[in-house]
PDB file of N, CA and C in Angstrom:
ATOM      1  N   MET A   1      87.017 103.648  97.017  1.00  0.00           N
ATOM      2  CA  MET A   1      86.815 105.071  96.883  1.00  0.00           C
ATOM      3  C   MET A   1      87.539 105.546  95.629  1.00  0.00           C
ATOM      4  N   LYS A   2      86.882 106.335  94.863  1.00  0.00           N
ATOM      5  CA  LYS A   2      87.460 106.928  93.660  1.00  0.00           C
ATOM      6  C   LYS A   2      88.064 108.296  94.011  1.00  0.00           C
ATOM      7  N   VAL A   3      88.931 108.816  93.150  1.00  0.00           N
ATOM      8  CA  VAL A   3      89.566 110.109  93.380  1.00  0.00           C
ATOM      9  C   VAL A   3      88.507 111.199  93.564  1.00  0.00           C
ATOM     10  N   ALA A   4      87.451 111.172  92.751  1.00  0.00           N
ATOM     11  CA  ALA A   4      86.382 112.174  92.858  1.00  0.00           C
ATOM     12  C   ALA A   4      85.717 112.130  94.231  1.00  0.00           C
ATOM     13  N   GLU A   5      85.550 110.927  94.784  1.00  0.00           N
ATOM     14  CA  GLU A   5      84.948 110.797  96.110  1.00  0.00           C
ATOM     15  C   GLU A   5      85.884 111.356  97.179  1.00  0.00           C
ATOM     16  N   LEU A   6      87.181 111.115  97.045  1.00  0.00           N
ATOM     17  CA  LEU A   6      88.149 111.656  97.989  1.00  0.00           C
ATOM     18  C   LEU A   6      88.144 113.180  97.953  1.00  0.00           C
ATOM     19  N   ILE A   7      88.101 113.736  96.757  1.00  0.00           N
ATOM     20  CA  ILE A   7      88.054 115.194  96.617  1.00  0.00           C
ATOM     21  C   ILE A   7      86.815 115.752  97.295  1.00  0.00           C
ATOM     22  N   ALA A   8      85.681 115.098  97.118  1.00  0.00           N
ATOM     23  CA  ALA A   8      84.438 115.560  97.750  1.00  0.00           C
ATOM     24  C   ALA A   8      84.549 115.534  99.276  1.00  0.00           C
ATOM     25  N   VAL A   9      85.171 114.497  99.821  1.00  0.00           N
ATOM     26  CA  VAL A   9      85.361 114.414 101.279  1.00  0.00           C
ATOM     27  C   VAL A   9      86.291 115.530 101.738  1.00  0.00           C
ATOM     28  N   LEU A  10      87.401 115.721 101.026  1.00  0.00           N
ATOM     29  CA  LEU A  10      88.381 116.734 101.413  1.00  0.00           C
ATOM     30  C   LEU A  10      87.807 118.144 101.375  1.00  0.00           C
ATOM     31  N   ARG A  11      86.876 118.394 100.476  1.00  0.00           N
ATOM     32  CA  ARG A  11      86.262 119.731 100.383  1.00  0.00           C
ATOM     33  C   ARG A  11      85.485 120.099 101.643  1.00  0.00           C
ATOM     34  N   ASN A  12      85.068 119.098 102.416  1.00  0.00           N
ATOM     35  CA  ASN A  12      84.298 119.352 103.641  1.00  0.00           C
ATOM     36  C   ASN A  12      85.175 119.475 104.885  1.00  0.00           C
ATOM     37  N   LEU A  13      86.488 119.386 104.708  1.00  0.00           N
ATOM     38  CA  LEU A  13      87.402 119.445 105.844  1.00  0.00           C
ATOM     39  C   LEU A  13      88.139 120.782 105.881  1.00  0.00           C
ATOM     40  N   ASP A  14      88.746 121.061 107.016  1.00  0.00           N
ATOM     41  CA  ASP A  14      89.513 122.283 107.208  1.00  0.00           C
ATOM     42  C   ASP A  14      90.701 122.302 106.247  1.00  0.00           C
ATOM     43  N   PRO A  15      90.763 123.272 105.324  1.00  0.00           N
ATOM     44  CA  PRO A  15      91.861 123.295 104.353  1.00  0.00           C
ATOM     45  C   PRO A  15      93.222 123.576 104.993  1.00  0.00           C
ATOM     46  N   ALA A  16      93.251 124.038 106.230  1.00  0.00           N
ATOM     47  CA  ALA A  16      94.512 124.301 106.922  1.00  0.00           C
ATOM     48  C   ALA A  16      94.989 123.094 107.728  1.00  0.00           C
ATOM     49  N   ALA A  17      94.190 122.018 107.755  1.00  0.00           N
ATOM     50  CA  ALA A  17      94.545 120.828 108.536  1.00  0.00           C
ATOM     51  C   ALA A  17      95.734 120.111 107.906  1.00  0.00           C
ATOM     52  N   GLU A  18      96.551 119.483 108.748  1.00  0.00           N
ATOM     53  CA  GLU A  18      97.685 118.684 108.276  1.00  0.00           C
ATOM     54  C   GLU A  18      97.180 117.362 107.709  1.00  0.00           C
ATOM     55  N   VAL A  19      97.793 116.861 106.653  1.00  0.00           N
ATOM     56  CA  VAL A  19      97.456 115.573 106.074  1.00  0.00           C
ATOM     57  C   VAL A  19      98.473 114.559 106.579  1.00  0.00           C
ATOM     58  N   VAL A  20      97.996 113.474 107.179  1.00  0.00           N
ATOM     59  CA  VAL A  20      98.867 112.463 107.762  1.00  0.00           C
ATOM     60  C   VAL A  20      98.420 111.073 107.336  1.00  0.00           C
ATOM     61  N   VAL A  21      99.293 110.097 107.504  1.00  0.00           N
ATOM     62  CA  VAL A  21      98.965 108.693 107.270  1.00  0.00           C
ATOM     63  C   VAL A  21      99.311 107.920 108.529  1.00  0.00           C
ATOM     64  N   ALA A  22      98.627 106.821 108.764  1.00  0.00           N
ATOM     65  CA  ALA A  22      98.858 106.015 109.949  1.00  0.00           C
ATOM     66  C   ALA A  22     100.253 105.400 109.916  1.00  0.00           C
ATOM     67  N   ALA A  23     100.858 105.302 111.091  1.00  0.00           N
ATOM     68  CA  ALA A  23     102.168 104.672 111.239  1.00  0.00           C
ATOM     69  C   ALA A  23     102.064 103.720 112.419  1.00  0.00           C
ATOM     70  N   TYR A  24     102.208 102.439 112.166  1.00  0.00           N
ATOM     71  CA  TYR A  24     102.017 101.440 113.202  1.00  0.00           C
ATOM     72  C   TYR A  24     103.358 100.990 113.744  1.00  0.00           C
ATOM     73  N   ASP A  25     103.431 100.856 115.068  1.00  0.00           N
ATOM     74  CA  ASP A  25     104.668 100.383 115.678  1.00  0.00           C
ATOM     75  C   ASP A  25     104.453  99.101 116.472  1.00  0.00           C
ATOM     76  N   GLY A  26     103.279  98.493 116.352  1.00  0.00           N
ATOM     77  CA  GLY A  26     103.009  97.222 117.017  1.00  0.00           C
ATOM     78  C   GLY A  26     102.444  97.353 118.419  1.00  0.00           C
ATOM     79  N   ARG A  27     102.439  98.544 118.959  1.00  0.00           N
ATOM     80  CA  ARG A  27     101.866  98.732 120.296  1.00  0.00           C
ATOM     81  C   ARG A  27     100.419  99.167 120.142  1.00  0.00           C
ATOM     82  N   ARG A  28      99.513  98.474 120.769  1.00  0.00           N
ATOM     83  CA  ARG A  28      98.089  98.735 120.591  1.00  0.00           C
ATOM     84  C   ARG A  28      97.606  99.960 121.358  1.00  0.00           C
ATOM     85  N   ASP A  29      98.351 100.428 122.335  1.00  0.00           N
ATOM     86  CA  ASP A  29      97.885 101.559 123.129  1.00  0.00           C
ATOM     87  C   ASP A  29      98.374 102.909 122.588  1.00  0.00           C
ATOM     88  N   VAL A  30      99.140 102.902 121.492  1.00  0.00           N
ATOM     89  CA  VAL A  30      99.674 104.128 120.911  1.00  0.00           C
ATOM     90  C   VAL A  30      99.331 104.156 119.428  1.00  0.00           C
ATOM     91  N   HIS A  31      98.859 105.292 118.956  1.00  0.00           N
ATOM     92  CA  HIS A  31      98.533 105.455 117.535  1.00  0.00           C
ATOM     93  C   HIS A  31      99.354 106.627 117.008  1.00  0.00           C
ATOM     94  N   HIS A  32     100.341 106.358 116.159  1.00  0.00           N
ATOM     95  CA  HIS A  32     101.171 107.398 115.567  1.00  0.00           C
ATOM     96  C   HIS A  32     100.682 107.729 114.167  1.00  0.00           C
ATOM     97  N   VAL A  33     100.957 108.958 113.739  1.00  0.00           N
ATOM     98  CA  VAL A  33     100.671 109.365 112.367  1.00  0.00           C
ATOM     99  C   VAL A  33     101.899 110.078 111.808  1.00  0.00           C
ATOM    100  N   LEU A  34     102.063 109.984 110.499  1.00  0.00           N
ATOM    101  CA  LEU A  34     103.165 110.641 109.800  1.00  0.00           C
ATOM    102  C   LEU A  34     102.621 111.683 108.841  1.00  0.00           C
ATOM    103  N   GLU A  35     103.399 112.726 108.614  1.00  0.00           N
ATOM    104  CA  GLU A  35     103.049 113.748 107.646  1.00  0.00           C
ATOM    105  C   GLU A  35     102.981 113.129 106.250  1.00  0.00           C
ATOM    106  N   LEU A  36     101.960 113.474 105.496  1.00  0.00           N
ATOM    107  CA  LEU A  36     101.842 113.024 104.107  1.00  0.00           C
ATOM    108  C   LEU A  36     102.498 114.068 103.220  1.00  0.00           C
ATOM    109  N   ARG A  37     103.429 113.647 102.407  1.00  0.00           N
ATOM    110  CA  ARG A  37     104.143 114.567 101.516  1.00  0.00           C
ATOM    111  C   ARG A  37     103.728 114.320 100.073  1.00  0.00           C
ATOM    112  N   ARG A  38     103.978 115.292  99.226  1.00  0.00           N
ATOM    113  CA  ARG A  38     103.573 115.199  97.823  1.00  0.00           C
ATOM    114  C   ARG A  38     104.102 113.925  97.160  1.00  0.00           C
ATOM    115  N   ASP A  39     105.337 113.526  97.499  1.00  0.00           N
ATOM    116  CA  ASP A  39     105.916 112.313  96.919  1.00  0.00           C
ATOM    117  C   ASP A  39     105.227 111.045  97.410  1.00  0.00           C
ATOM    118  N   ASP A  40     104.401 111.156  98.477  1.00  0.00           N
ATOM    119  CA  ASP A  40     103.698 110.005  99.024  1.00  0.00           C
ATOM    120  C   ASP A  40     102.396 109.710  98.291  1.00  0.00           C
ATOM    121  N   VAL A  41     102.014 110.559  97.365  1.00  0.00           N
ATOM    122  CA  VAL A  41     100.785 110.370  96.586  1.00  0.00           C
ATOM    123  C   VAL A  41     101.203 110.063  95.157  1.00  0.00           C
ATOM    124  N   ARG A  42     100.865 108.863  94.678  1.00  0.00           N
ATOM    125  CA  ARG A  42     101.310 108.460  93.348  1.00  0.00           C
ATOM    126  C   ARG A  42     100.306 107.491  92.715  1.00  0.00           C
ATOM    127  N   ALA A  43     100.247 107.550  91.416  1.00  0.00           N
ATOM    128  CA  ALA A  43      99.405 106.604  90.686  1.00  0.00           C
ATOM    129  C   ALA A  43     100.074 105.240  90.709  1.00  0.00           C
ATOM    130  N   SER A  44      99.276 104.191  90.795  1.00  0.00           N
ATOM    131  CA  SER A  44      99.838 102.839  90.773  1.00  0.00           C
ATOM    132  C   SER A  44      98.831 101.866  90.193  1.00  0.00           C
ATOM    133  N   ALA A  45      99.343 100.819  89.589  1.00  0.00           N
ATOM    134  CA  ALA A  45      98.491  99.731  89.113  1.00  0.00           C
ATOM    135  C   ALA A  45      98.384  98.722  90.248  1.00  0.00           C
ATOM    136  N   MET A  46      97.263  98.048  90.349  1.00  0.00           N
ATOM    137  CA  MET A  46      97.083  97.077  91.422  1.00  0.00           C
ATOM    138  C   MET A  46      96.083  96.023  91.005  1.00  0.00           C
ATOM    139  N   ARG A  47      95.977  95.010  91.831  1.00  0.00           N
ATOM    140  CA  ARG A  47      94.974  93.969  91.610  1.00  0.00           C
ATOM    141  C   ARG A  47      94.344  93.638  92.954  1.00  0.00           C
ATOM    142  N   GLU A  48      93.056  93.349  92.923  1.00  0.00           N
ATOM    143  CA  GLU A  48      92.340  93.013  94.146  1.00  0.00           C
ATOM    144  C   GLU A  48      92.682  91.588  94.569  1.00  0.00           C
ATOM    145  N   LEU A  49      92.887  91.384  95.856  1.00  0.00           N
ATOM    146  CA  LEU A  49      93.177  90.057  96.388  1.00  0.00           C
ATOM    147  C   LEU A  49      91.900  89.403  96.886  1.00  0.00           C
ATOM    148  N   SER A  50      91.804  88.117  96.765  1.00  0.00           N
ATOM    149  CA  SER A  50      90.641  87.375  97.261  1.00  0.00           C
ATOM    150  C   SER A  50      90.935  86.862  98.661  1.00  0.00           C
ATOM    151  N   PHE A  51      89.938  86.863  99.516  1.00  0.00           N
ATOM    152  CA  PHE A  51      90.067  86.338 100.860  1.00  0.00           C
ATOM    153  C   PHE A  51      88.686  85.973 101.371  1.00  0.00           C
ATOM    154  N   GLU A  52      88.614  85.277 102.476  1.00  0.00           N
ATOM    155  CA  GLU A  52      87.343  84.725 102.950  1.00  0.00           C
ATOM    156  C   GLU A  52      86.411  85.747 103.569  1.00  0.00           C
ATOM    157  N   ARG A  53      86.950  86.811 104.139  1.00  0.00           N
ATOM    158  CA  ARG A  53      86.094  87.833 104.744  1.00  0.00           C
ATOM    159  C   ARG A  53      86.681  89.198 104.430  1.00  0.00           C
ATOM    160  N   PRO A  54      85.905  90.267 104.582  1.00  0.00           N
ATOM    161  CA  PRO A  54      86.437  91.601 104.290  1.00  0.00           C
ATOM    162  C   PRO A  54      87.681  91.886 105.118  1.00  0.00           C
ATOM    163  N   PHE A  55      88.646  92.551 104.504  1.00  0.00           N
ATOM    164  CA  PHE A  55      89.890  92.913 105.177  1.00  0.00           C
ATOM    165  C   PHE A  55      89.588  93.781 106.386  1.00  0.00           C
ATOM    166  N   ASP A  56      88.711  94.751 106.226  1.00  0.00           N
ATOM    167  CA  ASP A  56      88.298  95.635 107.310  1.00  0.00           C
ATOM    168  C   ASP A  56      86.847  95.289 107.617  1.00  0.00           C
ATOM    169  N   VAL A  57      86.634  94.446 108.602  1.00  0.00           N
ATOM    170  CA  VAL A  57      85.297  93.938 108.901  1.00  0.00           C
ATOM    171  C   VAL A  57      84.311  95.065 109.175  1.00  0.00           C
ATOM    172  N   ASP A  58      84.749  96.114 109.860  1.00  0.00           N
ATOM    173  CA  ASP A  58      83.848  97.208 110.218  1.00  0.00           C
ATOM    174  C   ASP A  58      83.400  98.033 109.006  1.00  0.00           C
ATOM    175  N   HIS A  59      84.249  98.162 108.011  1.00  0.00           N
ATOM    176  CA  HIS A  59      83.942  99.026 106.888  1.00  0.00           C
ATOM    177  C   HIS A  59      83.826  98.298 105.552  1.00  0.00           C
ATOM    178  N   GLY A  60      84.091  97.013 105.528  1.00  0.00           N
ATOM    179  CA  GLY A  60      83.982  96.246 104.293  1.00  0.00           C
ATOM    180  C   GLY A  60      85.017  96.624 103.253  1.00  0.00           C
ATOM    181  N   ALA A  61      86.167  97.123 103.689  1.00  0.00           N
ATOM    182  CA  ALA A  61      87.207  97.530 102.745  1.00  0.00           C
ATOM    183  C   ALA A  61      87.766  96.329 101.999  1.00  0.00           C
ATOM    184  N   ARG A  62      88.151  96.543 100.752  1.00  0.00           N
ATOM    185  CA  ARG A  62      88.772  95.495  99.947  1.00  0.00           C
ATOM    186  C   ARG A  62      90.284  95.570 100.112  1.00  0.00           C
ATOM    187  N   LEU A  63      90.941  94.459  99.955  1.00  0.00           N
ATOM    188  CA  LEU A  63      92.393  94.388 100.034  1.00  0.00           C
ATOM    189  C   LEU A  63      92.949  94.247  98.631  1.00  0.00           C
ATOM    190  N   SER A  64      93.900  95.111  98.279  1.00  0.00           N
ATOM    191  CA  SER A  64      94.538  95.045  96.968  1.00  0.00           C
ATOM    192  C   SER A  64      96.042  95.002  97.145  1.00  0.00           C
ATOM    193  N   GLU A  65      96.729  94.626  96.076  1.00  0.00           N
ATOM    194  CA  GLU A  65      98.180  94.548  96.084  1.00  0.00           C
ATOM    195  C   GLU A  65      98.698  95.353  94.900  1.00  0.00           C
ATOM    196  N   VAL A  66      99.727  96.183  95.141  1.00  0.00           N
ATOM    197  CA  VAL A  66     100.322  96.935  94.045  1.00  0.00           C
ATOM    198  C   VAL A  66     100.978  95.942  93.102  1.00  0.00           C
ATOM    199  N   ASP A  67     100.668  96.056  91.822  1.00  0.00           N
ATOM    200  CA  ASP A  67     101.152  95.126  90.808  1.00  0.00           C
ATOM    201  C   ASP A  67     101.273  95.902  89.499  1.00  0.00           C
ATOM    202  N   ASP A  68     102.489  96.041  88.970  1.00  0.00           N
ATOM    203  CA  ASP A  68     102.707  96.821  87.750  1.00  0.00           C
ATOM    204  C   ASP A  68     101.836  96.372  86.586  1.00  0.00           C
ATOM    205  N   ASP A  69     101.457  95.103  86.562  1.00  0.00           N
ATOM    206  CA  ASP A  69     100.609  94.577  85.492  1.00  0.00           C
ATOM    207  C   ASP A  69      99.146  94.435  85.928  1.00  0.00           C
ATOM    208  N   GLY A  70      98.821  94.999  87.081  1.00  0.00           N
ATOM    209  CA  GLY A  70      97.464  94.860  87.616  1.00  0.00           C
ATOM    210  C   GLY A  70      96.433  95.582  86.776  1.00  0.00           C
ATOM    211  N   PRO A  71      95.206  95.074  86.765  1.00  0.00           N
ATOM    212  CA  PRO A  71      94.151  95.642  85.930  1.00  0.00           C
ATOM    213  C   PRO A  71      93.433  96.831  86.559  1.00  0.00           C
ATOM    214  N   VAL A  72      93.695  97.132  87.831  1.00  0.00           N
ATOM    215  CA  VAL A  72      92.987  98.187  88.540  1.00  0.00           C
ATOM    216  C   VAL A  72      93.891  99.429  88.633  1.00  0.00           C
ATOM    217  N   SER A  73      93.371 100.573  88.214  1.00  0.00           N
ATOM    218  CA  SER A  73      94.106 101.831  88.336  1.00  0.00           C
ATOM    219  C   SER A  73      93.853 102.396  89.713  1.00  0.00           C
ATOM    220  N   GLY A  74      94.910 102.776  90.412  1.00  0.00           N
ATOM    221  CA  GLY A  74      94.747 103.289  91.759  1.00  0.00           C
ATOM    222  C   GLY A  74      95.635 104.479  92.021  1.00  0.00           C
ATOM    223  N   VAL A  75      95.376 105.166  93.129  1.00  0.00           N
ATOM    224  CA  VAL A  75      96.239 106.228  93.629  1.00  0.00           C
ATOM    225  C   VAL A  75      96.656 105.817  95.021  1.00  0.00           C
ATOM    226  N   GLU A  76      97.935 105.601  95.210  1.00  0.00           N
ATOM    227  CA  GLU A  76      98.465 105.151  96.496  1.00  0.00           C
ATOM    228  C   GLU A  76      98.803 106.382  97.336  1.00  0.00           C
ATOM    229  N   ILE A  77      98.329 106.402  98.561  1.00  0.00           N
ATOM    230  CA  ILE A  77      98.610 107.512  99.473  1.00  0.00           C
ATOM    231  C   ILE A  77      99.350 106.920 100.667  1.00  0.00           C
ATOM    232  N   GLY A  78     100.560 107.408 100.868  1.00  0.00           N
ATOM    233  CA  GLY A  78     101.327 106.955 102.021  1.00  0.00           C
ATOM    234  C   GLY A  78     102.480 106.075 101.643  1.00  0.00           C
TER     235      GLY A  78
END
């Protein structure tokens, strides 16, 4: 997802809604979320990792790693 795509998605949501990120504690029956703060959104360099199957099988998400010398420009949230 590119920043422009994220902005387009956000425009369709309630502007008064809280922004949160997932917080995992290892228990499968509980799903926690944390408040997203301005300092939690930052530009970062990264590189895509190779693996045998999609990281997120349901959505086909790619897995990347933050790397100061990485060739991919990204925005890290959370």
